[in-house]
Amino acid sequence: MSHTADQQRRAAREHYNASLGDCPARQLLEAISGKWVTLVMLALAEGRQRHSDLRRKIPGVSQKMLTSTLRSLERDGLVSRELTAQVPVRTDYELTARGHSLLRIVFELKDWAEENKEDVASSRLEHDIGLPAVN
């Protein structure tokens, strides 16, 4: 069955609609919007870091979660990993060019959060006060 050019464009838009669960853009948005992803990228903005350095700079992240986040970022081409043969083996991480291109957006998000934190806290408090009591 042949489709018109308009039908083909519409089908393509639906296929790459970030609202749809199987859309590649949505899957990428989910991967890069996690709490630890943002914090790891901000820490790596300072340059090459060892795993232990990142753990110190990111309070609350477990070794397992940091490792998982770094692997995901490496898989997506946002972070590179370099092993140095020594005892013990040294592993360093740094942002790739693609990671640096995303970093601008991460900094904008961080700046927005810092500028709006008081207003958001007030909104949360107002909302929570207005909620009915839960038994």
C-alpha atoms as a PDB file:
ATOM      1  CA  MET A   1       0.000   0.000   0.000  1.00  0.00           C
ATOM      2  CA  SER A   2       1.372   3.404  -1.017  1.00  0.00           C
ATOM      3  CA  HIS A   3       1.230   6.383   1.341  1.00  0.00           C
ATOM      4  CA  THR A   4       1.168  10.046   0.454  1.00  0.00           C
ATOM      5  CA  ALA A   5       4.060  12.246   1.548  1.00  0.00           C
ATOM      6  CA  ASP A   6       1.819  13.797   4.229  1.00  0.00           C
ATOM      7  CA  GLN A   7       0.920  10.353   5.589  1.00  0.00           C
ATOM      8  CA  GLN A   8       4.583   9.394   5.667  1.00  0.00           C
ATOM      9  CA  ARG A   9       5.517  12.581   7.571  1.00  0.00           C
ATOM     10  CA  ARG A  10       2.686  11.994  10.055  1.00  0.00           C
ATOM     11  CA  ALA A  11       3.808   8.399  10.610  1.00  0.00           C
ATOM     12  CA  ALA A  12       7.396   9.560  11.128  1.00  0.00           C
ATOM     13  CA  ARG A  13       6.277  12.171  13.710  1.00  0.00           C
ATOM     14  CA  GLU A  14       4.331   9.516  15.600  1.00  0.00           C
ATOM     15  CA  HIS A  15       7.282   7.132  15.498  1.00  0.00           C
ATOM     16  CA  TYR A  16       9.585   9.779  17.022  1.00  0.00           C
ATOM     17  CA  ASN A  17       7.124  11.327  19.448  1.00  0.00           C
ATOM     18  CA  ALA A  18       8.793  11.656  22.862  1.00  0.00           C
ATOM     19  CA  SER A  19       5.406  11.045  24.475  1.00  0.00           C
ATOM     20  CA  LEU A  20       5.349   7.493  23.164  1.00  0.00           C
ATOM     21  CA  GLY A  21       7.043   4.820  25.253  1.00  0.00           C
ATOM     22  CA  ASP A  22       8.990   3.204  22.417  1.00  0.00           C
ATOM     23  CA  CYS A  23      10.268   6.477  20.958  1.00  0.00           C
ATOM     24  CA  PRO A  24      14.097   6.635  20.896  1.00  0.00           C
ATOM     25  CA  ALA A  25      14.007  10.294  21.964  1.00  0.00           C
ATOM     26  CA  ARG A  26      11.866   9.429  24.987  1.00  0.00           C
ATOM     27  CA  GLN A  27      14.200   6.621  25.951  1.00  0.00           C
ATOM     28  CA  LEU A  28      17.138   9.020  25.773  1.00  0.00           C
ATOM     29  CA  LEU A  29      15.282  11.671  27.779  1.00  0.00           C
ATOM     30  CA  GLU A  30      14.600   9.101  30.487  1.00  0.00           C
ATOM     31  CA  ALA A  31      18.260   8.052  30.494  1.00  0.00           C
ATOM     32  CA  ILE A  32      19.690  11.580  30.817  1.00  0.00           C
ATOM     33  CA  SER A  33      17.146  13.102  33.186  1.00  0.00           C
ATOM     34  CA  GLY A  34      17.930  11.032  36.260  1.00  0.00           C
ATOM     35  CA  LYS A  35      19.063  12.650  39.498  1.00  0.00           C
ATOM     36  CA  TRP A  36      22.435  10.911  39.539  1.00  0.00           C
ATOM     37  CA  VAL A  37      23.095  11.622  35.855  1.00  0.00           C
ATOM     38  CA  THR A  38      22.789  15.360  36.465  1.00  0.00           C
ATOM     39  CA  LEU A  39      25.016  15.273  39.540  1.00  0.00           C
ATOM     40  CA  VAL A  40      27.661  13.100  37.856  1.00  0.00           C
ATOM     41  CA  MET A  41      27.765  15.398  34.843  1.00  0.00           C
ATOM     42  CA  LEU A  42      28.120  18.483  37.059  1.00  0.00           C
ATOM     43  CA  ALA A  43      30.998  16.814  38.919  1.00  0.00           C
ATOM     44  CA  LEU A  44      32.685  15.822  35.646  1.00  0.00           C
ATOM     45  CA  ALA A  45      32.379  19.414  34.408  1.00  0.00           C
ATOM     46  CA  GLU A  46      35.455  20.058  36.568  1.00  0.00           C
ATOM     47  CA  GLY A  47      37.458  17.632  34.426  1.00  0.00           C
ATOM     48  CA  ARG A  48      38.701  14.050  34.593  1.00  0.00           C
ATOM     49  CA  GLN A  49      37.748  12.298  37.836  1.00  0.00           C
ATOM     50  CA  ARG A  50      38.367   8.969  39.504  1.00  0.00           C
ATOM     51  CA  HIS A  51      35.417   6.920  40.772  1.00  0.00           C
ATOM     52  CA  SER A  52      36.411   7.617  44.383  1.00  0.00           C
ATOM     53  CA  ASP A  53      36.619  11.365  43.707  1.00  0.00           C
ATOM     54  CA  LEU A  54      33.114  11.338  42.227  1.00  0.00           C
ATOM     55  CA  ARG A  55      31.756   9.490  45.275  1.00  0.00           C
ATOM     56  CA  ARG A  56      33.194  12.177  47.549  1.00  0.00           C
ATOM     57  CA  LYS A  57      31.754  14.984  45.408  1.00  0.00           C
ATOM     58  CA  ILE A  58      28.271  13.465  45.171  1.00  0.00           C
ATOM     59  CA  PRO A  59      26.927  12.920  48.689  1.00  0.00           C
ATOM     60  CA  GLY A  60      24.416  10.115  49.014  1.00  0.00           C
ATOM     61  CA  VAL A  61      25.328   8.178  45.876  1.00  0.00           C
ATOM     62  CA  SER A  62      26.146   4.537  46.521  1.00  0.00           C
ATOM     63  CA  GLN A  63      29.060   2.843  44.809  1.00  0.00           C
ATOM     64  CA  LYS A  64      26.622   0.627  42.909  1.00  0.00           C
ATOM     65  CA  MET A  65      24.483   3.550  41.703  1.00  0.00           C
ATOM     66  CA  LEU A  66      27.513   5.597  40.682  1.00  0.00           C
ATOM     67  CA  THR A  67      28.943   2.660  38.737  1.00  0.00           C
ATOM     68  CA  SER A  68      25.596   2.044  37.047  1.00  0.00           C
ATOM     69  CA  THR A  69      25.220   5.733  36.150  1.00  0.00           C
ATOM     70  CA  LEU A  70      28.750   5.948  34.757  1.00  0.00           C
ATOM     71  CA  ARG A  71      28.205   2.813  32.656  1.00  0.00           C
ATOM     72  CA  SER A  72      24.981   4.224  31.264  1.00  0.00           C
ATOM     73  CA  LEU A  73      26.653   7.544  30.426  1.00  0.00           C
ATOM     74  CA  GLU A  74      29.533   5.697  28.799  1.00  0.00           C
ATOM     75  CA  ARG A  75      27.129   3.553  26.770  1.00  0.00           C
ATOM     76  CA  ASP A  76      25.367   6.707  25.522  1.00  0.00           C
ATOM     77  CA  GLY A  77      28.699   8.261  24.532  1.00  0.00           C
ATOM     78  CA  LEU A  78      28.514  11.049  27.113  1.00  0.00           C
ATOM     79  CA  VAL A  79      31.402   9.861  29.294  1.00  0.00           C
ATOM     80  CA  SER A  80      34.656   8.124  28.459  1.00  0.00           C
ATOM     81  CA  ARG A  81      36.473   5.733  30.757  1.00  0.00           C
ATOM     82  CA  GLU A  82      40.230   5.275  30.797  1.00  0.00           C
ATOM     83  CA  LEU A  83      41.991   2.443  32.595  1.00  0.00           C
ATOM     84  CA  THR A  84      45.610   2.882  33.680  1.00  0.00           C
ATOM     85  CA  ALA A  85      47.615  -0.253  34.411  1.00  0.00           C
ATOM     86  CA  GLN A  86      48.922   0.143  37.933  1.00  0.00           C
ATOM     87  CA  VAL A  87      48.276  -1.569  41.253  1.00  0.00           C
ATOM     88  CA  PRO A  88      45.435  -1.104  41.903  1.00  0.00           C
ATOM     89  CA  VAL A  89      44.126  -0.346  38.417  1.00  0.00           C
ATOM     90  CA  ARG A  90      43.237   3.317  38.063  1.00  0.00           C
ATOM     91  CA  THR A  91      39.979   4.237  36.318  1.00  0.00           C
ATOM     92  CA  ASP A  92      39.317   7.804  35.238  1.00  0.00           C
ATOM     93  CA  TYR A  93      36.126   9.242  33.768  1.00  0.00           C
ATOM     94  CA  GLU A  94      35.579  12.401  31.761  1.00  0.00           C
ATOM     95  CA  LEU A  95      32.925  13.975  29.590  1.00  0.00           C
ATOM     96  CA  THR A  96      33.124  13.388  25.852  1.00  0.00           C
ATOM     97  CA  ALA A  97      32.369  16.101  23.298  1.00  0.00           C
ATOM     98  CA  ARG A  98      28.742  14.876  23.295  1.00  0.00           C
ATOM     99  CA  GLY A  99      28.708  15.045  27.096  1.00  0.00           C
ATOM    100  CA  HIS A 100      30.010  18.618  27.004  1.00  0.00           C
ATOM    101  CA  SER A 101      27.251  19.543  24.538  1.00  0.00           C
ATOM    102  CA  LEU A 102      24.652  18.301  27.054  1.00  0.00           C
ATOM    103  CA  LEU A 103      26.444  19.992  29.951  1.00  0.00           C
ATOM    104  CA  ARG A 104      25.242  23.433  28.829  1.00  0.00           C
ATOM    105  CA  ILE A 105      21.642  22.270  29.323  1.00  0.00           C
ATOM    106  CA  VAL A 106      22.488  20.633  32.665  1.00  0.00           C
ATOM    107  CA  PHE A 107      23.968  23.941  33.881  1.00  0.00           C
ATOM    108  CA  GLU A 108      20.840  25.787  32.732  1.00  0.00           C
ATOM    109  CA  LEU A 109      18.697  23.313  34.676  1.00  0.00           C
ATOM    110  CA  LYS A 110      20.924  23.720  37.752  1.00  0.00           C
ATOM    111  CA  ASP A 111      20.733  27.525  37.475  1.00  0.00           C
ATOM    112  CA  TRP A 112      16.939  27.380  37.148  1.00  0.00           C
ATOM    113  CA  ALA A 113      16.697  25.161  40.239  1.00  0.00           C
ATOM    114  CA  GLU A 114      18.878  27.532  42.253  1.00  0.00           C
ATOM    115  CA  GLU A 115      16.885  30.580  41.123  1.00  0.00           C
ATOM    116  CA  ASN A 116      13.495  28.989  41.859  1.00  0.00           C
ATOM    117  CA  LYS A 117      14.159  26.854  44.936  1.00  0.00           C
ATOM    118  CA  GLU A 118      12.487  29.246  47.415  1.00  0.00           C
ATOM    119  CA  ASP A 119       9.376  29.713  45.268  1.00  0.00           C
ATOM    120  CA  VAL A 120       9.051  25.979  44.709  1.00  0.00           C
ATOM    121  CA  ALA A 121       9.496  25.322  48.439  1.00  0.00           C
ATOM    122  CA  SER A 122       6.705  27.832  49.176  1.00  0.00           C
ATOM    123  CA  SER A 123       4.426  26.216  46.590  1.00  0.00           C
ATOM    124  CA  ARG A 124       5.076  22.795  48.083  1.00  0.00           C
ATOM    125  CA  LEU A 125       4.292  24.038  51.576  1.00  0.00           C
ATOM    126  CA  GLU A 126       1.074  25.730  50.432  1.00  0.00           C
ATOM    127  CA  HIS A 127       0.025  22.589  48.596  1.00  0.00           C
ATOM    128  CA  ASP A 128       0.833  20.293  51.504  1.00  0.00           C
ATOM    129  CA  ILE A 129      -1.050  22.464  54.024  1.00  0.00           C
ATOM    130  CA  GLY A 130      -4.139  22.363  51.818  1.00  0.00           C
ATOM    131  CA  LEU A 131      -4.164  18.566  51.602  1.00  0.00           C
ATOM    132  CA  PRO A 132      -6.761  16.668  53.666  1.00  0.00           C
ATOM    133  CA  ALA A 133      -5.427  14.624  56.564  1.00  0.00           C
ATOM    134  CA  VAL A 134      -4.545  11.042  55.706  1.00  0.00           C
ATOM    135  CA  ASN A 135      -5.683   8.373  58.177  1.00  0.00           C
END
